[in-house]
C-alpha atoms as a PDB file:
ATOM      1  CA  UNK A   1      17.547-113.943 -51.896  1.00  0.00           C
ATOM      2  CA  UNK A   2      21.165-112.775 -50.595  1.00  0.00           C
ATOM      3  CA  UNK A   3      21.111-108.946 -49.527  1.00  0.00           C
ATOM      4  CA  UNK A   4      23.448-106.980 -51.365  1.00  0.00           C
ATOM      5  CA  UNK A   5      26.429-104.672 -49.679  1.00  0.00           C
ATOM      6  CA  UNK A   6      24.460-101.691 -49.888  1.00  0.00           C
ATOM      7  CA  UNK A   7      21.295-103.202 -48.084  1.00  0.00           C
ATOM      8  CA  UNK A   8      23.599-104.963 -45.469  1.00  0.00           C
ATOM      9  CA  UNK A   9      25.316-101.328 -45.068  1.00  0.00           C
ATOM     10  CA  UNK A  10      21.976 -99.872 -44.649  1.00  0.00           C
ATOM     11  CA  UNK A  11      20.306-102.315 -42.245  1.00  0.00           C
ATOM     12  CA  UNK A  12      23.804-101.410 -40.551  1.00  0.00           C
ATOM     13  CA  UNK A  13      22.912 -97.893 -40.248  1.00  0.00           C
ATOM     14  CA  UNK A  14      19.236 -98.485 -39.061  1.00  0.00           C
ATOM     15  CA  UNK A  15      20.580-100.651 -36.460  1.00  0.00           C
ATOM     16  CA  UNK A  16      23.013 -98.390 -35.298  1.00  0.00           C
ATOM     17  CA  UNK A  17      20.046 -95.650 -35.112  1.00  0.00           C
ATOM     18  CA  UNK A  18      18.017 -97.853 -33.192  1.00  0.00           C
ATOM     19  CA  UNK A  19      20.710 -98.701 -30.621  1.00  0.00           C
ATOM     20  CA  UNK A  20      21.046 -95.089 -30.263  1.00  0.00           C
ATOM     21  CA  UNK A  21      17.758 -95.340 -28.450  1.00  0.00           C
ATOM     22  CA  UNK A  22      18.738 -97.412 -25.673  1.00  0.00           C
ATOM     23  CA  UNK A  23      19.897 -95.959 -22.586  1.00  0.00           C
ATOM     24  CA  UNK A  24      21.785 -97.302 -19.740  1.00  0.00           C
ATOM     25  CA  UNK A  25      19.337 -96.138 -16.784  1.00  0.00           C
ATOM     26  CA  UNK A  26      22.364 -95.151 -14.627  1.00  0.00           C
ATOM     27  CA  UNK A  27      24.278 -92.874 -17.231  1.00  0.00           C
ATOM     28  CA  UNK A  28      22.274 -90.278 -19.516  1.00  0.00           C
ATOM     29  CA  UNK A  29      24.152 -91.616 -22.661  1.00  0.00           C
ATOM     30  CA  UNK A  30      22.893 -94.198 -25.035  1.00  0.00           C
ATOM     31  CA  UNK A  31      24.712 -97.640 -25.288  1.00  0.00           C
ATOM     32  CA  UNK A  32      26.288 -97.195 -28.580  1.00  0.00           C
ATOM     33  CA  UNK A  33      28.014 -93.944 -27.436  1.00  0.00           C
ATOM     34  CA  UNK A  34      28.835 -95.326 -24.274  1.00  0.00           C
ATOM     35  CA  UNK A  35      30.655 -98.290 -25.944  1.00  0.00           C
ATOM     36  CA  UNK A  36      28.745-101.012 -24.723  1.00  0.00           C
ATOM     37  CA  UNK A  37      28.241-102.528 -28.521  1.00  0.00           C
ATOM     38  CA  UNK A  38      31.323-104.367 -29.170  1.00  0.00           C
ATOM     39  CA  UNK A  39      30.320-105.764 -32.437  1.00  0.00           C
ATOM     40  CA  UNK A  40      27.207-105.729 -35.063  1.00  0.00           C
ATOM     41  CA  UNK A  41      27.305-108.670 -37.727  1.00  0.00           C
ATOM     42  CA  UNK A  42      24.900-109.083 -40.321  1.00  0.00           C
ATOM     43  CA  UNK A  43      24.569-111.961 -42.895  1.00  0.00           C
ATOM     44  CA  UNK A  44      23.299-111.920 -46.096  1.00  0.00           C
ATOM     45  CA  UNK A  45      20.295-113.031 -45.120  1.00  0.00           C
ATOM     46  CA  UNK A  46      19.468-110.357 -42.461  1.00  0.00           C
ATOM     47  CA  UNK A  47      20.582-112.355 -39.795  1.00  0.00           C
ATOM     48  CA  UNK A  48      22.053-110.142 -37.157  1.00  0.00           C
ATOM     49  CA  UNK A  49      24.644-110.999 -34.474  1.00  0.00           C
ATOM     50  CA  UNK A  50      25.273-108.521 -31.514  1.00  0.00           C
ATOM     51  CA  UNK A  51      28.005-108.509 -29.076  1.00  0.00           C
ATOM     52  CA  UNK A  52      27.555-106.474 -26.240  1.00  0.00           C
ATOM     53  CA  UNK A  53      28.705-105.791 -22.640  1.00  0.00           C
ATOM     54  CA  UNK A  54      27.556-103.892 -19.576  1.00  0.00           C
ATOM     55  CA  UNK A  55      29.335-101.306 -17.637  1.00  0.00           C
ATOM     56  CA  UNK A  56      29.592-103.998 -14.771  1.00  0.00           C
ATOM     57  CA  UNK A  57      28.960-107.727 -14.429  1.00  0.00           C
ATOM     58  CA  UNK A  58      26.290-106.952 -11.565  1.00  0.00           C
ATOM     59  CA  UNK A  59      24.414-104.055 -13.786  1.00  0.00           C
ATOM     60  CA  UNK A  60      20.903-104.006 -12.164  1.00  0.00           C
ATOM     61  CA  UNK A  61      19.860-104.265 -16.009  1.00  0.00           C
ATOM     62  CA  UNK A  62      21.675-107.044 -16.772  1.00  0.00           C
ATOM     63  CA  UNK A  63      18.545-109.122 -17.687  1.00  0.00           C
ATOM     64  CA  UNK A  64      16.325-106.114 -19.339  1.00  0.00           C
ATOM     65  CA  UNK A  65      18.698-103.965 -21.101  1.00  0.00           C
ATOM     66  CA  UNK A  66      20.014-106.894 -23.734  1.00  0.00           C
ATOM     67  CA  UNK A  67      15.978-107.622 -23.973  1.00  0.00           C
ATOM     68  CA  UNK A  68      15.588-104.059 -25.274  1.00  0.00           C
ATOM     69  CA  UNK A  69      18.449-104.558 -27.450  1.00  0.00           C
ATOM     70  CA  UNK A  70      17.458-107.659 -28.949  1.00  0.00           C
ATOM     71  CA  UNK A  71      13.750-106.005 -29.427  1.00  0.00           C
ATOM     72  CA  UNK A  72      15.247-102.749 -31.250  1.00  0.00           C
ATOM     73  CA  UNK A  73      17.364-104.653 -33.224  1.00  0.00           C
ATOM     74  CA  UNK A  74      14.806-106.832 -34.326  1.00  0.00           C
ATOM     75  CA  UNK A  75      12.545-104.232 -35.239  1.00  0.00           C
ATOM     76  CA  UNK A  76      14.881-102.878 -37.904  1.00  0.00           C
ATOM     77  CA  UNK A  77      13.295-103.736 -41.573  1.00  0.00           C
ATOM     78  CA  UNK A  78      15.510-106.457 -43.010  1.00  0.00           C
ATOM     79  CA  UNK A  79      16.411-108.089 -40.110  1.00  0.00           C
ATOM     80  CA  UNK A  80      15.628-111.802 -40.138  1.00  0.00           C
ATOM     81  CA  UNK A  81      16.974-112.930 -36.573  1.00  0.00           C
ATOM     82  CA  UNK A  82      19.118-111.531 -33.857  1.00  0.00           C
ATOM     83  CA  UNK A  83      21.762-113.435 -31.930  1.00  0.00           C
ATOM     84  CA  UNK A  84      22.846-111.242 -28.692  1.00  0.00           C
ATOM     85  CA  UNK A  85      25.789-112.096 -27.149  1.00  0.00           C
ATOM     86  CA  UNK A  86      26.962-110.997 -23.621  1.00  0.00           C
ATOM     87  CA  UNK A  87      30.457-110.839 -22.757  1.00  0.00           C
ATOM     88  CA  UNK A  88      32.455-109.133 -20.289  1.00  0.00           C
ATOM     89  CA  UNK A  89      35.825-109.536 -22.149  1.00  0.00           C
ATOM     90  CA  UNK A  90      37.356-107.187 -22.427  1.00  0.00           C
ATOM     91  CA  UNK A  91      35.606-105.423 -19.694  1.00  0.00           C
ATOM     92  CA  UNK A  92      33.985-101.978 -20.261  1.00  0.00           C
ATOM     93  CA  UNK A  93      35.775 -99.022 -19.355  1.00  0.00           C
ATOM     94  CA  UNK A  94      35.406 -95.230 -19.646  1.00  0.00           C
ATOM     95  CA  UNK A  95      37.707 -95.051 -22.426  1.00  0.00           C
ATOM     96  CA  UNK A  96      35.522 -96.931 -24.559  1.00  0.00           C
ATOM     97  CA  UNK A  97      33.060 -94.298 -24.643  1.00  0.00           C
ATOM     98  CA  UNK A  98      33.102 -91.663 -27.688  1.00  0.00           C
ATOM     99  CA  UNK A  99      34.283 -88.282 -27.308  1.00  0.00           C
ATOM    100  CA  UNK A 100      30.271 -87.213 -27.575  1.00  0.00           C
ATOM    101  CA  UNK A 101      29.921 -89.138 -24.532  1.00  0.00           C
ATOM    102  CA  UNK A 102      32.730 -87.975 -22.610  1.00  0.00           C
ATOM    103  CA  UNK A 103      31.977 -84.625 -23.212  1.00  0.00           C
ATOM    104  CA  UNK A 104      27.937 -84.934 -22.412  1.00  0.00           C
ATOM    105  CA  UNK A 105      29.216 -86.744 -19.040  1.00  0.00           C
ATOM    106  CA  UNK A 106      31.853 -83.825 -18.204  1.00  0.00           C
ATOM    107  CA  UNK A 107      34.737 -86.436 -18.666  1.00  0.00           C
ATOM    108  CA  UNK A 108      36.030 -84.308 -21.757  1.00  0.00           C
ATOM    109  CA  UNK A 109      37.249 -80.664 -20.627  1.00  0.00           C
END
């Protein structure tokens, strides 16, 4: 049975909450506020595609961070499968951080 727009929106909100529990180990801000999540797509079957990046291509958590993201998203009710795509285009930079993240790190005055 296909999910309704409301159900998809609810799953999307839950995914964002789950992503906000994942932290880059070198920066005390969650990966969502850091701007590392480029896109989250949810099909009406509950299949989720996450497009994300890392702060640098040689990030020490290049293996574990995407696995943690996949695990957190998979744990959201209504999610059937998770396809995680790691990209470095466009390259991440500090301008992609939320105002909240910039403030927390002392970048925003």
